[in-house]
Amino acid sequence: VHSLKYNFYNKRNYSIRKMKMKHIMLDIETMGLKGNSAIISIGAVAFDPDNNCLGETFYVNVDLSSCINHGLVVDGGTIAWWITQSSDAKKSLFKDAKPLDEALSTFTDYIHQFKKVKVWGNGLGFDNVIVKNAYAALKRDRPWSDFQDRDMRTIVDITESNYGKQTKEKIGIAHNALDDAINQANTVCKYWQLLKGK
């Protein structure tokens, strides 16, 4: 299930390269904060920080009951937090939700388009770890290895310690997994360029 938002972002003057990219930004929305939390959406975007451009996107909503059936957990505090979020963020979570096995199969297909890709998350122990545990719940291997994991917060800390706090442009809906992934990829591209002196 590749996101229909691809053309939406293309209209906003994102440079879309047909070349095979080596980096993917991953963002997920969940019903908990633990490593075995239920996932309710997965968003991702390929990007090339050397050339400061974004590529193909991915987005799928995940059926909550299928996550629970596979042993993933829900946290009451996170449910309460979701109640306070915007109606746009909440509405987007329930459109065309797929069972966990189908959602991860399509995500695997997306990842396999890229060779030796580095997969970034916003936090060392969240997105990448929860997705890995969701694959494990299905007795499947995650389609990338641990040494391909990257943490966005590390490059943010390094850059801001050298160049100070930077303005981060944000578009779309907060807590929409694809919109967040795109914003995070743009941040990494911007900081990468700063660190390379471009």
C-alpha atoms as a PDB file:
ATOM      1  CA  VAL A   1       0.000   0.000   0.000  1.00  0.00           C
ATOM      2  CA  HIS A   2       2.040   2.914  -1.249  1.00  0.00           C
ATOM      3  CA  SER A   3       0.800   6.290  -0.186  1.00  0.00           C
ATOM      4  CA  LEU A   4      -1.356   8.394  -2.474  1.00  0.00           C
ATOM      5  CA  LYS A   5       0.314  11.378  -0.828  1.00  0.00           C
ATOM      6  CA  TYR A   6       3.369  10.923  -3.069  1.00  0.00           C
ATOM      7  CA  ASN A   7       2.047  13.328  -5.710  1.00  0.00           C
ATOM      8  CA  PHE A   8       0.828  15.719  -3.003  1.00  0.00           C
ATOM      9  CA  TYR A   9       4.351  16.261  -1.767  1.00  0.00           C
ATOM     10  CA  ASN A  10       5.749  16.329  -5.283  1.00  0.00           C
ATOM     11  CA  LYS A  11       3.539  19.385  -5.948  1.00  0.00           C
ATOM     12  CA  ARG A  12       5.245  21.100  -3.039  1.00  0.00           C
ATOM     13  CA  ASN A  13       8.501  21.159  -5.004  1.00  0.00           C
ATOM     14  CA  TYR A  14      10.187  18.190  -3.387  1.00  0.00           C
ATOM     15  CA  SER A  15      12.925  16.870  -5.659  1.00  0.00           C
ATOM     16  CA  ILE A  16      11.911  13.299  -6.492  1.00  0.00           C
ATOM     17  CA  ARG A  17      14.790  11.197  -7.783  1.00  0.00           C
ATOM     18  CA  LYS A  18      14.218   7.940  -9.600  1.00  0.00           C
ATOM     19  CA  MET A  19      17.657   6.813  -8.492  1.00  0.00           C
ATOM     20  CA  LYS A  20      17.832   4.120  -5.837  1.00  0.00           C
ATOM     21  CA  MET A  21      18.242   5.909  -2.536  1.00  0.00           C
ATOM     22  CA  LYS A  22      20.270   4.640   0.403  1.00  0.00           C
ATOM     23  CA  HIS A  23      18.294   6.104   3.303  1.00  0.00           C
ATOM     24  CA  ILE A  24      14.720   5.651   4.547  1.00  0.00           C
ATOM     25  CA  MET A  25      13.044   7.627   7.317  1.00  0.00           C
ATOM     26  CA  LEU A  26      10.585   5.498   9.279  1.00  0.00           C
ATOM     27  CA  ASP A  27       7.835   6.786  11.535  1.00  0.00           C
ATOM     28  CA  ILE A  28       5.101   4.811  13.247  1.00  0.00           C
ATOM     29  CA  GLU A  29       2.058   5.610  15.332  1.00  0.00           C
ATOM     30  CA  THR A  30       1.336   3.212  18.162  1.00  0.00           C
ATOM     31  CA  MET A  31      -0.985   2.464  21.048  1.00  0.00           C
ATOM     32  CA  GLY A  32       1.851   2.334  23.569  1.00  0.00           C
ATOM     33  CA  LEU A  33       5.453   3.256  24.291  1.00  0.00           C
ATOM     34  CA  LYS A  34       6.900  -0.191  25.019  1.00  0.00           C
ATOM     35  CA  GLY A  35       8.911  -2.228  22.552  1.00  0.00           C
ATOM     36  CA  ASN A  36       6.005  -4.624  21.973  1.00  0.00           C
ATOM     37  CA  SER A  37       3.344  -1.945  21.480  1.00  0.00           C
ATOM     38  CA  ALA A  38       0.560  -2.276  18.925  1.00  0.00           C
ATOM     39  CA  ILE A  39       1.241  -0.328  15.716  1.00  0.00           C
ATOM     40  CA  ILE A  40      -1.619   1.587  14.129  1.00  0.00           C
ATOM     41  CA  SER A  41       0.199   3.174  11.176  1.00  0.00           C
ATOM     42  CA  ILE A  42       3.529   3.010   9.371  1.00  0.00           C
ATOM     43  CA  GLY A  43       4.944   5.827   7.274  1.00  0.00           C
ATOM     44  CA  ALA A  44       8.255   6.011   5.440  1.00  0.00           C
ATOM     45  CA  VAL A  45      10.067   8.061   2.830  1.00  0.00           C
ATOM     46  CA  ALA A  46      13.278   7.372   0.927  1.00  0.00           C
ATOM     47  CA  PHE A  47      15.756  10.231   0.917  1.00  0.00           C
ATOM     48  CA  ASP A  48      19.185  11.257  -0.301  1.00  0.00           C
ATOM     49  CA  PRO A  49      20.869  13.591   2.198  1.00  0.00           C
ATOM     50  CA  ASP A  50      23.882  14.173  -0.079  1.00  0.00           C
ATOM     51  CA  ASN A  51      21.619  15.731  -2.705  1.00  0.00           C
ATOM     52  CA  ASN A  52      19.001  17.042  -0.252  1.00  0.00           C
ATOM     53  CA  CYS A  53      16.013  15.336  -1.861  1.00  0.00           C
ATOM     54  CA  LEU A  54      13.195  12.944  -1.053  1.00  0.00           C
ATOM     55  CA  GLY A  55      12.001   9.885  -2.947  1.00  0.00           C
ATOM     56  CA  GLU A  56       9.240   7.323  -2.852  1.00  0.00           C
ATOM     57  CA  THR A  57       6.893   7.235   0.101  1.00  0.00           C
ATOM     58  CA  PHE A  58       5.029   4.481   1.925  1.00  0.00           C
ATOM     59  CA  TYR A  59       1.999   4.623   4.180  1.00  0.00           C
ATOM     60  CA  VAL A  60      -0.324   2.001   5.641  1.00  0.00           C
ATOM     61  CA  ASN A  61      -2.772   1.932   8.540  1.00  0.00           C
ATOM     62  CA  VAL A  62      -2.725  -1.213  10.669  1.00  0.00           C
ATOM     63  CA  ASP A  63      -5.780  -2.886  12.157  1.00  0.00           C
ATOM     64  CA  LEU A  64      -5.476  -2.632  15.936  1.00  0.00           C
ATOM     65  CA  SER A  65      -7.308  -5.886  16.701  1.00  0.00           C
ATOM     66  CA  SER A  66      -4.885  -7.830  14.490  1.00  0.00           C
ATOM     67  CA  CYS A  67      -1.963  -6.430  16.490  1.00  0.00           C
ATOM     68  CA  ILE A  68      -3.587  -7.476  19.755  1.00  0.00           C
ATOM     69  CA  ASN A  69      -4.299 -10.945  18.316  1.00  0.00           C
ATOM     70  CA  HIS A  70      -0.566 -11.321  17.657  1.00  0.00           C
ATOM     71  CA  GLY A  71       0.335 -10.390  21.234  1.00  0.00           C
ATOM     72  CA  LEU A  72       1.202  -6.706  20.808  1.00  0.00           C
ATOM     73  CA  VAL A  73       0.034  -4.525  23.659  1.00  0.00           C
ATOM     74  CA  VAL A  74      -2.057  -1.406  24.226  1.00  0.00           C
ATOM     75  CA  ASP A  75      -1.390   1.181  26.924  1.00  0.00           C
ATOM     76  CA  GLY A  76      -4.231   3.129  28.551  1.00  0.00           C
ATOM     77  CA  GLY A  77      -2.137   6.269  28.889  1.00  0.00           C
ATOM     78  CA  THR A  78      -1.436   6.310  25.153  1.00  0.00           C
ATOM     79  CA  ILE A  79      -5.141   5.870  24.373  1.00  0.00           C
ATOM     80  CA  ALA A  80      -5.862   8.856  26.620  1.00  0.00           C
ATOM     81  CA  TRP A  81      -3.153  10.836  24.798  1.00  0.00           C
ATOM     82  CA  TRP A  82      -4.665  10.026  21.404  1.00  0.00           C
ATOM     83  CA  ILE A  83      -8.028  11.359  22.578  1.00  0.00           C
ATOM     84  CA  THR A  84      -6.411  14.788  22.982  1.00  0.00           C
ATOM     85  CA  GLN A  85      -4.922  14.863  19.462  1.00  0.00           C
ATOM     86  CA  SER A  86      -6.393  16.646  16.442  1.00  0.00           C
ATOM     87  CA  SER A  87      -9.401  15.208  14.630  1.00  0.00           C
ATOM     88  CA  ASP A  88      -7.361  15.103  11.401  1.00  0.00           C
ATOM     89  CA  ALA A  89      -4.684  12.960  13.051  1.00  0.00           C
ATOM     90  CA  LYS A  90      -7.243  10.577  14.523  1.00  0.00           C
ATOM     91  CA  LYS A  91      -9.360  10.283  11.370  1.00  0.00           C
ATOM     92  CA  SER A  92      -6.373   9.343   9.236  1.00  0.00           C
ATOM     93  CA  LEU A  93      -5.637   6.305  11.413  1.00  0.00           C
ATOM     94  CA  PHE A  94      -8.692   4.254  10.531  1.00  0.00           C
ATOM     95  CA  LYS A  95      -8.900   4.565   6.748  1.00  0.00           C
ATOM     96  CA  ASP A  96      -8.377   1.255   4.954  1.00  0.00           C
ATOM     97  CA  ALA A  97      -6.566  -0.360   7.908  1.00  0.00           C
ATOM     98  CA  LYS A  98      -4.817  -3.628   7.006  1.00  0.00           C
ATOM     99  CA  PRO A  99      -4.140  -6.696   9.152  1.00  0.00           C
ATOM    100  CA  LEU A 100      -0.668  -6.667  10.663  1.00  0.00           C
ATOM    101  CA  ASP A 101       0.667  -9.450   8.430  1.00  0.00           C
ATOM    102  CA  GLU A 102      -0.521  -7.709   5.259  1.00  0.00           C
ATOM    103  CA  ALA A 103       0.780  -4.319   6.401  1.00  0.00           C
ATOM    104  CA  LEU A 104       4.245  -5.697   7.141  1.00  0.00           C
ATOM    105  CA  SER A 105       4.316  -7.660   3.882  1.00  0.00           C
ATOM    106  CA  THR A 106       3.722  -4.490   1.881  1.00  0.00           C
ATOM    107  CA  PHE A 107       6.304  -2.647   3.963  1.00  0.00           C
ATOM    108  CA  THR A 108       8.814  -5.431   3.244  1.00  0.00           C
ATOM    109  CA  ASP A 109       8.147  -5.028  -0.487  1.00  0.00           C
ATOM    110  CA  TYR A 110       8.791  -1.308  -0.150  1.00  0.00           C
ATOM    111  CA  ILE A 111      12.086  -1.823   1.718  1.00  0.00           C
ATOM    112  CA  HIS A 112      13.287  -4.423  -0.787  1.00  0.00           C
ATOM    113  CA  GLN A 113      13.279  -1.800  -3.564  1.00  0.00           C
ATOM    114  CA  PHE A 114      16.436  -0.411  -1.980  1.00  0.00           C
ATOM    115  CA  LYS A 115      19.812  -2.100  -1.522  1.00  0.00           C
ATOM    116  CA  LYS A 116      21.744  -1.844   1.752  1.00  0.00           C
ATOM    117  CA  VAL A 117      19.445   0.936   2.869  1.00  0.00           C
ATOM    118  CA  LYS A 118      19.929   2.734   6.180  1.00  0.00           C
ATOM    119  CA  VAL A 119      16.660   3.019   8.126  1.00  0.00           C
ATOM    120  CA  TRP A 120      16.302   6.044  10.390  1.00  0.00           C
ATOM    121  CA  GLY A 121      13.979   6.476  13.359  1.00  0.00           C
ATOM    122  CA  ASN A 122      13.381   9.376  15.713  1.00  0.00           C
ATOM    123  CA  GLY A 123      14.841   7.790  18.822  1.00  0.00           C
ATOM    124  CA  LEU A 124      17.139   4.813  19.323  1.00  0.00           C
ATOM    125  CA  GLY A 125      14.598   2.523  20.954  1.00  0.00           C
ATOM    126  CA  PHE A 126      11.258   3.387  19.390  1.00  0.00           C
ATOM    127  CA  ASP A 127      10.239   3.125  15.716  1.00  0.00           C
ATOM    128  CA  ASN A 128      12.845   0.643  14.492  1.00  0.00           C
ATOM    129  CA  VAL A 129      12.631  -1.519  17.611  1.00  0.00           C
ATOM    130  CA  ILE A 130       8.822  -1.675  17.703  1.00  0.00           C
ATOM    131  CA  VAL A 131       8.695  -2.599  14.014  1.00  0.00           C
ATOM    132  CA  LYS A 132      11.320  -5.306  14.603  1.00  0.00           C
ATOM    133  CA  ASN A 133       9.216  -6.745  17.432  1.00  0.00           C
ATOM    134  CA  ALA A 134       6.080  -6.653  15.269  1.00  0.00           C
ATOM    135  CA  TYR A 135       7.873  -8.774  12.656  1.00  0.00           C
ATOM    136  CA  ALA A 136       8.995 -11.115  15.434  1.00  0.00           C
ATOM    137  CA  ALA A 137       5.387 -11.453  16.604  1.00  0.00           C
ATOM    138  CA  LEU A 138       4.654 -12.865  13.151  1.00  0.00           C
ATOM    139  CA  LYS A 139       7.782 -15.052  13.347  1.00  0.00           C
ATOM    140  CA  ARG A 140       9.361 -13.059  10.520  1.00  0.00           C
ATOM    141  CA  ASP A 141      12.671 -11.279  10.209  1.00  0.00           C
ATOM    142  CA  ARG A 142      12.708  -7.520   9.810  1.00  0.00           C
ATOM    143  CA  PRO A 143      13.852  -6.716   6.238  1.00  0.00           C
ATOM    144  CA  TRP A 144      16.980  -4.882   7.393  1.00  0.00           C
ATOM    145  CA  SER A 145      19.643  -5.688   9.985  1.00  0.00           C
ATOM    146  CA  ASP A 146      20.483  -3.909  13.219  1.00  0.00           C
ATOM    147  CA  PHE A 147      23.648  -2.357  11.769  1.00  0.00           C
ATOM    148  CA  GLN A 148      21.466  -0.559   9.198  1.00  0.00           C
ATOM    149  CA  ASP A 149      19.564   1.298  11.955  1.00  0.00           C
ATOM    150  CA  ARG A 150      20.180   5.028  12.290  1.00  0.00           C
ATOM    151  CA  ASP A 151      18.962   7.497  14.943  1.00  0.00           C
ATOM    152  CA  MET A 152      17.812  10.951  13.869  1.00  0.00           C
ATOM    153  CA  ARG A 153      18.406  12.418  17.331  1.00  0.00           C
ATOM    154  CA  THR A 154      22.154  11.779  17.079  1.00  0.00           C
ATOM    155  CA  ILE A 155      22.618  13.917  13.958  1.00  0.00           C
ATOM    156  CA  VAL A 156      20.353  16.602  15.452  1.00  0.00           C
ATOM    157  CA  ASP A 157      22.457  16.740  18.634  1.00  0.00           C
ATOM    158  CA  ILE A 158      25.759  16.847  16.733  1.00  0.00           C
ATOM    159  CA  THR A 159      24.564  19.544  14.331  1.00  0.00           C
ATOM    160  CA  GLU A 160      22.977  21.770  16.951  1.00  0.00           C
ATOM    161  CA  SER A 161      26.034  21.519  19.196  1.00  0.00           C
ATOM    162  CA  ASN A 162      28.053  22.988  16.310  1.00  0.00           C
ATOM    163  CA  TYR A 163      25.568  25.312  14.607  1.00  0.00           C
ATOM    164  CA  GLY A 164      22.932  26.040  17.247  1.00  0.00           C
ATOM    165  CA  LYS A 165      19.217  25.385  17.176  1.00  0.00           C
ATOM    166  CA  GLN A 166      17.854  25.255  13.636  1.00  0.00           C
ATOM    167  CA  THR A 167      14.404  26.142  12.304  1.00  0.00           C
ATOM    168  CA  LYS A 168      12.602  22.987  11.238  1.00  0.00           C
ATOM    169  CA  GLU A 169       9.949  23.430   8.561  1.00  0.00           C
ATOM    170  CA  LYS A 170       6.929  21.263   9.268  1.00  0.00           C
ATOM    171  CA  ILE A 171       4.132  20.425   6.885  1.00  0.00           C
ATOM    172  CA  GLY A 172       1.104  18.162   6.977  1.00  0.00           C
ATOM    173  CA  ILE A 173      -0.636  16.715  10.013  1.00  0.00           C
ATOM    174  CA  ALA A 174       1.208  16.173  13.289  1.00  0.00           C
ATOM    175  CA  HIS A 175       1.176  12.492  14.307  1.00  0.00           C
ATOM    176  CA  ASN A 176       0.418  11.311  10.806  1.00  0.00           C
ATOM    177  CA  ALA A 177       3.178   8.749  10.274  1.00  0.00           C
ATOM    178  CA  LEU A 178       3.975   9.759   6.693  1.00  0.00           C
ATOM    179  CA  ASP A 179       3.880  13.498   7.349  1.00  0.00           C
ATOM    180  CA  ASP A 180       6.166  13.030  10.358  1.00  0.00           C
ATOM    181  CA  ALA A 181       8.556  10.840   8.351  1.00  0.00           C
ATOM    182  CA  ILE A 182       8.794  13.486   5.621  1.00  0.00           C
ATOM    183  CA  ASN A 183       9.426  16.273   8.121  1.00  0.00           C
ATOM    184  CA  GLN A 184      12.102  14.185   9.839  1.00  0.00           C
ATOM    185  CA  ALA A 185      13.784  13.298   6.541  1.00  0.00           C
ATOM    186  CA  ASN A 186      13.863  16.971   5.611  1.00  0.00           C
ATOM    187  CA  THR A 187      15.507  17.732   8.958  1.00  0.00           C
ATOM    188  CA  VAL A 188      18.194  15.078   8.460  1.00  0.00           C
ATOM    189  CA  CYS A 189      18.869  16.366   4.928  1.00  0.00           C
ATOM    190  CA  LYS A 190      19.211  19.934   6.196  1.00  0.00           C
ATOM    191  CA  TYR A 191      21.528  18.970   9.052  1.00  0.00           C
ATOM    192  CA  TRP A 192      23.568  16.642   6.832  1.00  0.00           C
ATOM    193  CA  GLN A 193      24.157  19.524   4.442  1.00  0.00           C
ATOM    194  CA  LEU A 194      25.256  21.765   7.319  1.00  0.00           C
ATOM    195  CA  LEU A 195      27.714  19.179   8.597  1.00  0.00           C
ATOM    196  CA  LYS A 196      29.161  18.763   5.113  1.00  0.00           C
ATOM    197  CA  GLY A 197      29.521  22.533   4.751  1.00  0.00           C
ATOM    198  CA  LYS A 198      27.102  22.855   1.872  1.00  0.00           C
END
